[in-house]
């Protein structure tokens, strides 16, 4: 695996600063949240964008999870400054947000924490 591929995967998993998840977070500050989806207070376009981005991020997180488990080169690419600081920042953002104002499903938080664990547990340089 090369660095460009890993950067693209991190982007789609919502882990780097210019990710799709961050862009949707900006829109969520204007009224997009899980409670607004349920109550119908968000627009149909925003809802469709939420569903598409959520699916893409979730699938990319799963791919990254599998790569971290099976590839030492993927682990070395994710350690250091490439993914770890952004992943820690995401988990901190999740912990500060109220449960009903989180712009993404809670399963994404679970996967973020799992990715954080895998990077730190399987790579000696990040411990």
N, C-alpha and C. Protein backbone atom coordinates (compact mmCIF):
# COMPACT_ATOMS: atom_id res chain seq x y z
N UNK A 1 0.85 -1.18 0.00
CA UNK A 1 0.00 0.00 0.00
C UNK A 1 0.89 1.24 0.00
N UNK A 2 0.53 2.21 -0.82
CA UNK A 2 1.32 3.44 -0.87
C UNK A 2 0.61 4.57 -0.11
N UNK A 3 1.34 5.64 0.09
CA UNK A 3 0.85 6.76 0.89
C UNK A 3 -0.36 7.45 0.26
N UNK A 4 -0.38 7.56 -1.07
CA UNK A 4 -1.49 8.23 -1.74
C UNK A 4 -2.80 7.45 -1.54
N UNK A 5 -2.72 6.13 -1.62
CA UNK A 5 -3.90 5.30 -1.41
C UNK A 5 -4.39 5.42 0.02
N UNK A 6 -3.46 5.41 0.97
CA UNK A 6 -3.85 5.55 2.37
C UNK A 6 -4.48 6.91 2.62
N UNK A 7 -3.94 7.96 2.04
CA UNK A 7 -4.53 9.30 2.21
C UNK A 7 -5.95 9.36 1.66
N UNK A 8 -6.17 8.71 0.53
CA UNK A 8 -7.51 8.68 -0.06
C UNK A 8 -8.47 7.92 0.84
N UNK A 9 -8.03 6.80 1.37
CA UNK A 9 -8.87 6.02 2.27
C UNK A 9 -9.17 6.80 3.55
N UNK A 10 -8.18 7.47 4.09
CA UNK A 10 -8.40 8.29 5.29
C UNK A 10 -9.38 9.43 5.00
N UNK A 11 -9.29 9.99 3.81
CA UNK A 11 -10.22 11.06 3.41
C UNK A 11 -11.65 10.52 3.39
N UNK A 12 -11.85 9.37 2.75
CA UNK A 12 -13.19 8.81 2.65
C UNK A 12 -13.70 8.29 3.99
N UNK A 13 -12.79 7.91 4.88
CA UNK A 13 -13.20 7.47 6.22
C UNK A 13 -13.48 8.66 7.14
N UNK A 14 -13.24 9.86 6.66
CA UNK A 14 -13.54 11.05 7.44
C UNK A 14 -12.49 11.38 8.47
N UNK A 15 -11.27 10.92 8.28
CA UNK A 15 -10.26 11.07 9.33
C UNK A 15 -9.30 12.23 9.07
N UNK A 16 -9.16 12.68 7.85
CA UNK A 16 -8.25 13.81 7.64
C UNK A 16 -9.00 15.14 7.67
N UNK A 17 -8.29 16.25 7.81
CA UNK A 17 -8.95 17.55 8.02
C UNK A 17 -9.91 17.99 6.91
N UNK A 18 -9.69 17.57 5.67
CA UNK A 18 -10.54 18.00 4.56
C UNK A 18 -11.53 16.92 4.14
N UNK A 19 -11.97 16.11 5.06
CA UNK A 19 -12.81 14.97 4.73
C UNK A 19 -14.26 15.37 4.51
N UNK A 20 -15.00 14.45 3.92
CA UNK A 20 -16.42 14.68 3.69
C UNK A 20 -17.19 14.78 5.00
N UNK A 21 -16.73 14.08 6.00
CA UNK A 21 -17.41 14.14 7.30
C UNK A 21 -17.31 15.55 7.87
N UNK A 22 -16.17 16.20 7.72
CA UNK A 22 -16.01 17.57 8.21
C UNK A 22 -16.93 18.51 7.46
N UNK A 23 -17.05 18.33 6.13
CA UNK A 23 -17.93 19.20 5.35
C UNK A 23 -19.38 19.06 5.79
N UNK A 24 -19.80 17.84 6.08
CA UNK A 24 -21.16 17.64 6.53
C UNK A 24 -21.35 18.18 7.94
N UNK A 25 -20.30 18.12 8.76
CA UNK A 25 -20.37 18.70 10.09
C UNK A 25 -20.69 20.20 10.01
N UNK A 26 -20.09 20.89 9.03
CA UNK A 26 -20.37 22.32 8.88
C UNK A 26 -21.84 22.55 8.57
N UNK A 27 -22.39 21.71 7.70
CA UNK A 27 -23.81 21.85 7.37
C UNK A 27 -24.67 21.49 8.58
N UNK A 28 -24.21 20.56 9.39
CA UNK A 28 -25.00 20.15 10.55
C UNK A 28 -25.13 21.26 11.57
N UNK A 29 -24.16 22.17 11.59
CA UNK A 29 -24.24 23.27 12.54
C UNK A 29 -25.40 24.20 12.21
N UNK A 30 -25.91 24.07 10.98
CA UNK A 30 -27.04 24.90 10.56
C UNK A 30 -28.36 24.14 10.69
N UNK A 31 -28.41 23.12 11.53
CA UNK A 31 -29.69 22.46 11.78
C UNK A 31 -29.74 20.99 11.46
N UNK A 32 -28.66 20.41 10.94
CA UNK A 32 -28.67 18.99 10.60
C UNK A 32 -28.22 18.20 11.82
N UNK A 33 -29.10 17.36 12.33
CA UNK A 33 -28.75 16.46 13.42
C UNK A 33 -29.66 15.26 13.33
N UNK A 34 -29.36 14.23 14.11
CA UNK A 34 -30.19 13.04 14.10
C UNK A 34 -31.62 13.39 14.49
N UNK A 35 -31.79 14.24 15.50
CA UNK A 35 -33.15 14.61 15.93
C UNK A 35 -33.89 15.37 14.83
N UNK A 36 -33.19 16.20 14.06
CA UNK A 36 -33.85 16.92 12.98
C UNK A 36 -34.23 16.01 11.83
N UNK A 37 -33.46 14.95 11.62
CA UNK A 37 -33.83 13.98 10.59
C UNK A 37 -35.12 13.28 11.00
N UNK A 38 -35.17 12.86 12.25
CA UNK A 38 -36.34 12.14 12.75
C UNK A 38 -37.58 13.03 12.73
N UNK A 39 -37.44 14.27 13.12
CA UNK A 39 -38.60 15.17 13.18
C UNK A 39 -38.90 15.85 11.85
N UNK A 40 -38.06 15.66 10.85
CA UNK A 40 -38.30 16.23 9.54
C UNK A 40 -37.93 17.69 9.42
N UNK A 41 -37.08 18.20 10.30
CA UNK A 41 -36.71 19.61 10.26
C UNK A 41 -35.58 19.92 9.30
N UNK A 42 -34.95 18.90 8.73
CA UNK A 42 -33.88 19.16 7.77
C UNK A 42 -34.43 18.96 6.35
N UNK A 43 -33.74 19.49 5.37
CA UNK A 43 -34.20 19.39 3.99
C UNK A 43 -33.95 17.99 3.45
N UNK A 44 -34.67 17.63 2.40
CA UNK A 44 -34.51 16.32 1.77
C UNK A 44 -33.11 16.18 1.18
N UNK A 45 -32.61 17.25 0.59
CA UNK A 45 -31.26 17.21 0.01
C UNK A 45 -30.22 16.96 1.10
N UNK A 46 -30.34 17.63 2.21
CA UNK A 46 -29.40 17.44 3.31
C UNK A 46 -29.50 16.02 3.85
N UNK A 47 -30.71 15.51 3.94
CA UNK A 47 -30.90 14.14 4.42
C UNK A 47 -30.24 13.13 3.48
N UNK A 48 -30.42 13.31 2.17
CA UNK A 48 -29.81 12.41 1.20
C UNK A 48 -28.29 12.49 1.29
N UNK A 49 -27.76 13.69 1.43
CA UNK A 49 -26.32 13.87 1.58
C UNK A 49 -25.83 13.17 2.85
N UNK A 50 -26.57 13.29 3.91
CA UNK A 50 -26.23 12.63 5.17
C UNK A 50 -26.15 11.12 4.99
N UNK A 51 -27.13 10.53 4.32
CA UNK A 51 -27.17 9.09 4.10
C UNK A 51 -25.99 8.65 3.23
N UNK A 52 -25.74 9.36 2.15
CA UNK A 52 -24.64 8.99 1.25
C UNK A 52 -23.28 9.09 1.93
N UNK A 53 -23.06 10.20 2.61
CA UNK A 53 -21.77 10.39 3.27
C UNK A 53 -21.61 9.39 4.41
N UNK A 54 -22.67 9.14 5.16
CA UNK A 54 -22.59 8.16 6.25
C UNK A 54 -22.22 6.79 5.72
N UNK A 55 -22.84 6.38 4.62
CA UNK A 55 -22.54 5.06 4.05
C UNK A 55 -21.10 4.99 3.55
N UNK A 56 -20.65 6.04 2.90
CA UNK A 56 -19.27 6.06 2.39
C UNK A 56 -18.26 6.05 3.52
N UNK A 57 -18.50 6.84 4.54
CA UNK A 57 -17.59 6.89 5.68
C UNK A 57 -17.56 5.54 6.39
N UNK A 58 -18.72 4.93 6.60
CA UNK A 58 -18.78 3.64 7.29
C UNK A 58 -18.03 2.56 6.52
N UNK A 59 -18.24 2.50 5.22
CA UNK A 59 -17.55 1.50 4.41
C UNK A 59 -16.04 1.73 4.41
N UNK A 60 -15.63 2.97 4.32
CA UNK A 60 -14.20 3.29 4.34
C UNK A 60 -13.58 2.96 5.70
N UNK A 61 -14.33 3.20 6.77
CA UNK A 61 -13.84 2.83 8.10
C UNK A 61 -13.64 1.33 8.21
N UNK A 62 -14.57 0.56 7.66
CA UNK A 62 -14.44 -0.91 7.70
C UNK A 62 -13.22 -1.37 6.92
N UNK A 63 -13.01 -0.77 5.75
CA UNK A 63 -11.82 -1.13 4.94
C UNK A 63 -10.54 -0.80 5.70
N UNK A 64 -10.51 0.35 6.31
CA UNK A 64 -9.34 0.75 7.07
C UNK A 64 -9.12 -0.18 8.25
N UNK A 65 -10.18 -0.59 8.90
CA UNK A 65 -10.09 -1.55 10.00
C UNK A 65 -9.43 -2.85 9.53
N UNK A 66 -9.90 -3.38 8.41
CA UNK A 66 -9.32 -4.62 7.88
C UNK A 66 -7.86 -4.45 7.48
N UNK A 67 -7.53 -3.33 6.88
CA UNK A 67 -6.13 -3.09 6.50
C UNK A 67 -5.23 -3.00 7.72
N UNK A 68 -5.70 -2.33 8.76
CA UNK A 68 -4.88 -2.21 9.98
C UNK A 68 -4.66 -3.57 10.63
N UNK A 69 -5.66 -4.42 10.57
CA UNK A 69 -5.51 -5.75 11.15
C UNK A 69 -4.56 -6.64 10.36
N UNK A 70 -4.50 -6.45 9.03
CA UNK A 70 -3.79 -7.41 8.20
C UNK A 70 -2.51 -6.88 7.55
N UNK A 71 -2.24 -5.60 7.64
CA UNK A 71 -1.10 -5.07 6.90
C UNK A 71 -0.21 -4.20 7.79
N UNK A 72 1.03 -4.62 7.92
CA UNK A 72 1.98 -3.82 8.71
C UNK A 72 2.31 -2.51 8.00
N UNK A 73 2.30 -2.51 6.67
CA UNK A 73 2.57 -1.25 5.96
C UNK A 73 1.43 -0.25 6.16
N UNK A 74 0.20 -0.73 6.23
CA UNK A 74 -0.94 0.16 6.51
C UNK A 74 -0.82 0.73 7.92
N UNK A 75 -0.41 -0.11 8.87
CA UNK A 75 -0.23 0.38 10.25
C UNK A 75 0.86 1.44 10.31
N UNK A 76 1.94 1.22 9.60
CA UNK A 76 3.03 2.21 9.65
C UNK A 76 2.62 3.51 8.96
N UNK A 77 1.81 3.42 7.91
CA UNK A 77 1.33 4.63 7.24
C UNK A 77 0.36 5.43 8.12
N UNK A 78 -0.41 4.74 8.94
CA UNK A 78 -1.38 5.43 9.81
C UNK A 78 -0.76 5.97 11.09
N UNK A 79 0.35 5.43 11.48
CA UNK A 79 0.98 5.91 12.71
C UNK A 79 1.64 7.26 12.45
N UNK A 80 1.93 7.95 13.48
CA UNK A 80 2.56 9.26 13.34
C UNK A 80 1.56 10.33 13.02
N UNK A 81 1.94 11.26 12.15
CA UNK A 81 1.11 12.43 11.86
C UNK A 81 0.06 12.22 10.78
N UNK A 82 0.06 11.09 10.13
CA UNK A 82 -0.87 10.89 9.01
C UNK A 82 -2.32 10.74 9.49
N UNK A 83 -2.59 9.95 10.50
CA UNK A 83 -3.98 9.71 10.90
C UNK A 83 -4.23 9.89 12.39
N UNK A 84 -3.25 9.62 13.20
CA UNK A 84 -3.47 9.57 14.64
C UNK A 84 -3.99 10.89 15.24
N UNK A 85 -3.38 12.03 14.96
CA UNK A 85 -3.90 13.29 15.57
C UNK A 85 -5.34 13.60 15.15
N UNK A 86 -5.67 13.35 13.87
CA UNK A 86 -7.02 13.63 13.40
C UNK A 86 -8.03 12.66 14.00
N UNK A 87 -7.63 11.42 14.17
CA UNK A 87 -8.51 10.43 14.78
C UNK A 87 -8.77 10.75 16.25
N UNK A 88 -7.74 11.17 16.95
CA UNK A 88 -7.91 11.58 18.35
C UNK A 88 -8.84 12.79 18.44
N UNK A 89 -8.68 13.74 17.52
CA UNK A 89 -9.54 14.92 17.50
C UNK A 89 -11.00 14.54 17.24
N UNK A 90 -11.23 13.59 16.34
CA UNK A 90 -12.60 13.13 16.07
C UNK A 90 -13.24 12.51 17.30
N UNK A 91 -12.49 11.65 17.99
CA UNK A 91 -13.03 11.01 19.19
C UNK A 91 -13.32 12.05 20.26
N UNK A 92 -12.45 13.05 20.39
CA UNK A 92 -12.70 14.12 21.36
C UNK A 92 -13.95 14.92 21.00
N UNK A 93 -14.15 15.19 19.71
CA UNK A 93 -15.35 15.90 19.27
C UNK A 93 -16.60 15.10 19.60
N UNK A 94 -16.53 13.79 19.36
CA UNK A 94 -17.67 12.93 19.68
C UNK A 94 -17.99 13.00 21.17
N UNK A 95 -16.96 12.99 22.00
CA UNK A 95 -17.20 12.96 23.44
C UNK A 95 -17.78 14.27 23.96
N UNK A 96 -17.48 15.39 23.29
CA UNK A 96 -17.99 16.68 23.72
C UNK A 96 -19.42 16.94 23.24
N UNK A 97 -19.83 16.32 22.15
CA UNK A 97 -21.15 16.58 21.57
C UNK A 97 -22.25 15.88 22.37
N UNK A 98 -23.36 16.55 22.48
CA UNK A 98 -24.53 15.93 23.12
C UNK A 98 -25.04 14.81 22.21
N UNK A 99 -25.55 13.73 22.78
CA UNK A 99 -25.98 12.59 21.96
C UNK A 99 -26.98 12.92 20.85
N UNK A 100 -27.89 13.84 21.10
CA UNK A 100 -28.88 14.16 20.06
C UNK A 100 -28.37 15.17 19.03
N UNK A 101 -27.21 15.76 19.25
CA UNK A 101 -26.69 16.73 18.28
C UNK A 101 -25.54 16.18 17.46
N UNK A 102 -25.20 14.92 17.65
CA UNK A 102 -24.13 14.31 16.86
C UNK A 102 -24.60 14.14 15.42
N UNK A 103 -23.78 14.60 14.47
CA UNK A 103 -24.23 14.57 13.08
C UNK A 103 -24.14 13.20 12.41
N UNK A 104 -23.59 12.20 13.07
CA UNK A 104 -23.45 10.88 12.47
C UNK A 104 -23.92 9.80 13.43
N UNK A 105 -24.23 8.62 12.89
CA UNK A 105 -24.66 7.51 13.75
C UNK A 105 -23.59 7.13 14.77
N UNK A 106 -24.03 6.65 15.91
CA UNK A 106 -23.10 6.28 16.99
C UNK A 106 -22.16 5.16 16.60
N UNK A 107 -22.56 4.33 15.65
CA UNK A 107 -21.66 3.24 15.23
C UNK A 107 -20.36 3.77 14.64
N UNK A 108 -20.39 4.99 14.09
CA UNK A 108 -19.15 5.59 13.58
C UNK A 108 -18.19 5.89 14.71
N UNK A 109 -18.72 6.32 15.84
CA UNK A 109 -17.87 6.56 17.01
C UNK A 109 -17.22 5.26 17.44
N UNK A 110 -17.99 4.19 17.46
CA UNK A 110 -17.46 2.89 17.84
C UNK A 110 -16.31 2.49 16.93
N UNK A 111 -16.48 2.69 15.64
CA UNK A 111 -15.42 2.33 14.69
C UNK A 111 -14.23 3.27 14.84
N UNK A 112 -14.47 4.56 15.08
CA UNK A 112 -13.37 5.50 15.31
C UNK A 112 -12.52 5.06 16.50
N UNK A 113 -13.19 4.68 17.58
CA UNK A 113 -12.47 4.24 18.79
C UNK A 113 -11.70 2.94 18.50
N UNK A 114 -12.33 2.06 17.74
CA UNK A 114 -11.66 0.80 17.38
C UNK A 114 -10.43 1.07 16.53
N UNK A 115 -10.54 1.98 15.56
CA UNK A 115 -9.38 2.33 14.73
C UNK A 115 -8.27 2.94 15.57
N UNK A 116 -8.65 3.80 16.49
CA UNK A 116 -7.67 4.40 17.39
C UNK A 116 -6.96 3.33 18.20
N UNK A 117 -7.73 2.37 18.70
CA UNK A 117 -7.14 1.26 19.45
C UNK A 117 -6.18 0.46 18.57
N UNK A 118 -6.61 0.11 17.36
CA UNK A 118 -5.77 -0.70 16.49
C UNK A 118 -4.45 0.00 16.14
N UNK A 119 -4.54 1.29 15.85
CA UNK A 119 -3.32 2.02 15.49
C UNK A 119 -2.35 2.05 16.67
N UNK A 120 -2.88 2.30 17.86
CA UNK A 120 -1.98 2.41 19.02
C UNK A 120 -1.54 1.05 19.55
N UNK A 121 -2.38 0.05 19.45
CA UNK A 121 -2.02 -1.26 20.01
C UNK A 121 -1.10 -2.06 19.08
N UNK A 122 -1.31 -1.93 17.78
CA UNK A 122 -0.55 -2.76 16.85
C UNK A 122 0.73 -2.10 16.32
N UNK A 123 0.89 -0.83 16.56
CA UNK A 123 2.09 -0.13 16.10
C UNK A 123 2.90 0.31 17.31
N UNK A 124 4.08 -0.25 17.45
CA UNK A 124 4.91 0.06 18.60
C UNK A 124 5.33 1.53 18.66
N UNK A 125 5.45 2.16 17.51
CA UNK A 125 5.91 3.55 17.48
C UNK A 125 4.87 4.53 18.03
N UNK A 126 3.61 4.14 18.09
CA UNK A 126 2.57 5.06 18.57
C UNK A 126 2.21 4.87 20.03
N UNK A 127 2.78 3.90 20.68
CA UNK A 127 2.44 3.65 22.10
C UNK A 127 3.01 4.67 23.02
